[in-house]
Protein backbone atom coordinates (compact mmCIF):
# COMPACT_ATOMS: atom_id res chain seq x y z
CA ALA A 1 0.20 -0.03 0.14
CA ALA A 2 1.07 3.61 -0.59
CA SER A 3 0.72 4.38 2.96
CA ASP A 4 3.48 1.70 3.80
CA VAL A 5 5.99 3.33 1.47
CA TYR A 6 5.25 6.67 3.16
CA LYS A 7 5.79 5.05 6.71
CA ARG A 8 9.19 3.82 5.45
CA GLN A 9 9.76 7.14 4.53
CA VAL A 10 9.13 8.95 7.47
CA GLN A 11 10.94 6.01 9.48
CA GLN A 12 14.38 6.72 7.39
CA ASN A 13 13.86 10.64 8.32
CA ASP A 14 13.12 9.94 12.09
CA VAL A 15 9.59 11.58 11.53
CA ALA A 16 6.83 10.79 13.98
CA ILE A 17 3.61 10.79 12.38
CA GLU A 18 0.14 8.93 12.86
CA GLU A 19 -0.86 6.08 10.37
CA ARG A 20 -4.41 7.90 10.00
CA SER A 21 -2.32 10.99 8.55
CA LEU A 22 -0.40 8.74 6.47
CA ARG A 23 -3.36 7.35 5.11
CA ALA A 24 -5.04 10.70 4.53
CA ILE A 25 -1.89 11.72 2.49
CA ALA A 26 -2.31 8.61 0.38
CA ARG A 27 -6.03 9.42 -0.43
CA ALA A 28 -5.25 12.90 -1.20
CA SER A 29 -2.47 12.03 -3.77
CA GLU A 30 -5.10 10.02 -5.69
CA GLY A 31 -2.66 7.17 -6.37
CA SER A 32 0.16 9.32 -7.68
CA MET A 33 3.31 8.13 -5.42
CA ARG A 34 5.23 11.24 -6.49
CA ASP A 35 2.48 13.54 -5.43
CA GLY A 36 2.08 11.62 -2.11
CA LEU A 37 5.60 12.02 -1.35
CA SER A 38 5.63 15.70 -2.28
CA LEU A 39 2.56 15.91 0.29
CA LEU A 40 4.41 14.35 2.96
CA ASP A 41 7.48 16.60 2.43
CA GLN A 42 4.98 19.39 2.87
CA ALA A 43 3.77 17.89 6.03
CA VAL A 44 7.42 17.54 7.39
CA ALA A 45 7.85 21.00 6.55
CA PHE A 46 4.63 22.21 8.07
CA GLY A 47 4.82 20.08 11.26
CA GLY A 48 8.49 19.17 11.84
CA LYS A 49 9.64 15.89 13.21
CA THR A 50 6.36 15.35 15.06
CA ILE A 51 3.41 15.61 12.79
CA ILE A 52 0.14 15.43 14.46
CA GLU A 53 -3.27 14.71 12.77
CA GLN A 54 -4.22 18.36 13.01
CA ASP A 55 -1.22 19.36 10.88
CA VAL A 56 -2.26 17.12 8.24
CA GLU A 57 -5.90 18.15 8.45
CA ASP A 58 -4.84 21.97 8.25
CA MET A 59 -2.50 21.07 5.35
CA LEU A 60 -4.93 19.09 3.20
CA GLY A 61 -8.06 21.09 4.21
CA THR A 62 -9.57 17.91 5.20
CA VAL A 63 -12.50 17.86 8.00
CA PRO A 64 -11.98 16.30 11.34
CA GLU A 65 -13.27 12.61 11.53
CA GLU A 66 -15.51 13.46 14.49
CA LEU A 67 -17.68 15.82 12.13
CA VAL A 68 -17.91 13.16 9.50
CA ARG A 69 -19.03 10.44 12.16
CA ARG A 70 -21.50 12.95 13.41
CA VAL A 71 -23.39 12.83 10.07
CA VAL A 72 -24.20 9.19 10.70
CA GLU A 73 -25.32 10.00 14.21
CA THR A 74 -27.87 12.59 13.06
CA ILE A 75 -29.14 10.04 10.42
CA VAL A 76 -29.73 7.20 13.00
CA LYS A 77 -31.26 9.67 15.57
CA GLN A 78 -33.63 10.72 12.51
CA ASP A 79 -32.72 14.34 13.75
CA PRO A 80 -33.18 16.89 11.03
CA VAL A 81 -32.52 19.82 13.02
CA ALA A 82 -29.25 18.63 14.40
CA ALA A 83 -28.43 17.62 10.78
CA VAL A 84 -28.93 21.38 9.54
CA GLU A 85 -26.96 22.49 12.80
CA LEU A 86 -24.00 20.35 11.81
CA VAL A 87 -23.83 21.70 8.47
CA GLY A 88 -23.81 25.30 9.89
CA GLN A 89 -21.04 24.28 12.34
CA VAL A 90 -18.89 22.80 9.50
CA SER A 91 -19.52 25.89 7.32
CA ASP A 92 -19.11 28.30 9.97
CA GLN A 93 -15.63 26.83 10.91
CA GLY A 94 -14.63 27.23 7.36
CA PHE A 95 -14.46 23.90 5.95
CA ASP A 96 -15.15 23.34 2.29
CA LEU A 97 -18.66 21.59 2.20
CA GLN A 98 -17.53 19.87 -1.05
CA VAL A 99 -14.77 18.06 0.58
CA TYR A 100 -16.97 17.49 3.61
CA CYS A 101 -19.50 15.71 1.54
CA GLY A 102 -16.72 13.76 -0.22
CA ALA A 103 -15.64 12.48 3.26
CA VAL A 104 -19.29 11.64 4.04
CA VAL A 105 -19.42 9.50 0.78
CA GLU A 106 -16.29 7.67 1.60
CA ARG A 107 -17.87 7.14 5.37
CA MET A 108 -20.82 5.43 3.69
CA ARG A 109 -18.74 3.21 1.26
CA HIS A 110 -16.95 2.04 4.42
CA LEU A 111 -20.22 1.47 6.14
CA MET A 112 -21.67 -0.34 3.34
CA ILE A 113 -18.45 -2.66 2.99
CA ALA A 114 -18.42 -3.33 6.75
CA SER A 115 -22.17 -4.30 6.50
CA VAL A 116 -21.49 -7.17 4.13
CA VAL A 117 -18.55 -8.61 6.01
CA THR A 118 -18.69 -10.46 9.36
CA SER A 119 -15.34 -10.00 10.71
CA SER A 120 -12.52 -7.08 10.45
CA GLY A 121 -10.24 -9.63 8.80
CA GLN A 122 -12.65 -9.89 5.80
CA ALA A 123 -12.66 -5.95 5.62
CA GLU A 124 -8.97 -5.17 5.94
CA GLY A 125 -8.31 -5.51 2.10
CA LEU A 126 -11.52 -3.69 1.30
CA ILE A 127 -11.21 -0.65 3.71
CA ASP A 128 -7.89 0.95 3.92
CA LEU A 129 -8.21 2.14 7.67
CA PRO A 130 -6.31 0.49 10.80
CA ASN A 131 -8.20 -2.56 12.30
CA GLU A 132 -9.67 -0.85 15.20
CA GLU A 133 -11.40 1.61 13.06
CA ILE A 134 -12.66 -1.36 10.85
CA ARG A 135 -14.21 -2.87 13.85
CA GLN A 136 -15.83 0.02 14.83
CA LEU A 137 -17.27 0.68 11.49
CA ILE A 138 -18.62 -3.14 11.52
CA LYS A 139 -20.33 -2.21 14.68
CA GLU A 140 -21.79 0.92 13.70
CA ALA A 141 -22.94 -0.57 10.27
CA LYS A 142 -25.27 -2.79 12.23
CA THR A 143 -27.62 0.22 12.69
CA PHE A 144 -28.18 -0.04 8.88
CA SER A 145 -29.51 -2.27 6.28
CA VAL A 146 -27.17 -2.64 3.09
CA GLU A 147 -30.06 -1.08 1.03
CA GLN A 148 -30.07 1.71 3.30
CA LEU A 149 -26.30 2.55 3.12
CA GLN A 150 -26.83 2.10 -0.67
CA ASN A 151 -29.44 4.63 -0.62
CA LEU A 152 -27.46 6.95 1.44
CA PHE A 153 -24.43 6.63 -0.40
CA ASN A 154 -26.24 7.37 -3.75
CA LEU A 155 -27.82 10.57 -2.01
CA PHE A 156 -24.55 12.10 -0.80
CA ALA A 157 -22.80 11.07 -4.10
CA GLN A 158 -25.29 12.94 -6.14
CA THR A 159 -24.94 15.89 -3.43
CA GLU A 160 -21.40 15.84 -4.04
CA ASP A 161 -22.00 16.17 -7.92
CA ARG A 162 -24.36 19.02 -7.46
CA LEU A 163 -22.01 20.98 -5.13
CA ARG A 164 -19.63 21.40 -8.10
CA SER A 165 -22.11 23.73 -9.79
CA ALA A 166 -24.16 24.87 -6.80
CA ALA A 167 -24.36 28.50 -6.02
CA GLN A 168 -25.27 27.91 -2.55
CA HIS A 169 -23.11 24.92 -1.14
CA ARG A 170 -24.67 25.32 2.43
CA PHE A 171 -28.22 25.08 1.34
CA THR A 172 -27.64 22.16 -1.20
CA PHE A 173 -25.75 20.09 1.66
CA GLU A 174 -28.60 20.90 4.34
CA VAL A 175 -31.39 19.57 1.94
CA ALA A 176 -29.20 16.65 1.55
CA MET A 177 -28.78 16.24 5.49
CA VAL A 178 -32.44 16.52 6.20
CA ARG A 179 -33.49 14.15 3.25
CA ALA A 180 -31.02 11.68 4.90
CA THR A 181 -32.63 11.66 8.09
CA ARG A 182 -36.28 11.39 6.60
CA MET A 183 -34.93 8.53 4.47
CA PHE A 184 -33.66 6.74 7.20
CA GLN A 185 -36.97 7.37 9.26
CA GLU A 186 -39.06 6.13 6.22
CA ASN A 187 -36.93 2.93 5.70
CA CYS A 188 -37.10 2.06 9.51
CA ALA A 189 -40.95 2.62 9.57
CA ALA A 190 -41.34 0.42 6.43
CA THR A 191 -39.20 -2.26 7.93
CA ALA A 192 -41.41 -2.14 11.27
CA GLY A 193 -44.36 -2.31 9.10
CA ARG A 194 -43.61 -5.56 7.30
């Protein structure tokens, strides 16, 4: 994996960096080893010999994982008000909502994969995350059906596409978040009625 190459690079240069940050750099480089090594050099220039997750998030403009996890929480709670408030919080903190939506799409993909495997061992080759996080995803995925996760993935993937041309990113994402909470509510009601 690309993150393994980056891991060797930082070890050779006596740089301390978390595995999650190496994986974020690998994702941001979109498969280009040269771009990834360039980003790693930038991270070292940015954070020095000890690079913390916040340094990499700031450098890449990525959204903290906690804010991505909270999307799932608002959907499960079927709380559209909290969903709209979350979009406002992300926007007010200056994060790019298109980047945020992309992170949500990736989260839904991970949850969908986790929902169709029975152990973290099976998911390792399919989800590029540490085993502890994969186990958490598998636990979280049990809240949803595979169909629900497919629908949520499609909703946020379509929203990410819309955000590329939307004049009002915040409004577009708010509508998607409200729809996601309602979609989960409708699916749960349909399941209960069977």
